[in-house]
Amino acid sequence: GMSAEREYIRDGKVTKMVLIELTDHR
C-alpha cells in the first residue's frame, strides 16, 4: 500500500542518515 511505501522510504532515509553519521565519525 501507499503507507507501506512511505514507511520504506522513511526507513531508508533513517538508514542513510545513520550510515552518514557512522562514516563521519570514522
Protein backbone atom coordinates (compact mmCIF):
# COMPACT_ATOMS: atom_id res chain seq x y z
CA GLY A 1 0.00 0.00 0.00
CA MET A 2 0.91 3.66 -0.03
CA SER A 3 1.64 3.85 3.70
CA ALA A 4 3.99 0.87 3.44
CA GLU A 5 5.86 2.56 0.59
CA ARG A 6 6.16 5.77 2.59
CA GLU A 7 7.43 3.84 5.61
CA TYR A 8 10.01 2.10 3.42
CA ILE A 9 11.26 5.45 2.09
CA ARG A 10 11.36 6.88 5.62
CA ASP A 11 13.28 3.85 6.86
CA GLY A 12 15.73 4.22 4.00
CA LYS A 13 16.27 7.87 4.89
CA VAL A 14 16.96 6.96 8.52
CA THR A 15 19.38 4.22 7.49
CA LYS A 16 21.16 6.66 5.16
CA MET A 17 21.46 9.21 7.95
CA VAL A 18 22.89 6.60 10.32
CA LEU A 19 25.36 5.43 7.68
CA ILE A 20 26.49 9.01 7.05
CA GLU A 21 26.94 9.56 10.79
CA LEU A 22 28.92 6.34 11.18
CA THR A 23 31.21 7.15 8.27
CA ASP A 24 31.54 10.72 9.54
CA HIS A 25 32.75 9.54 12.96
CA ARG A 26 35.38 7.42 11.22
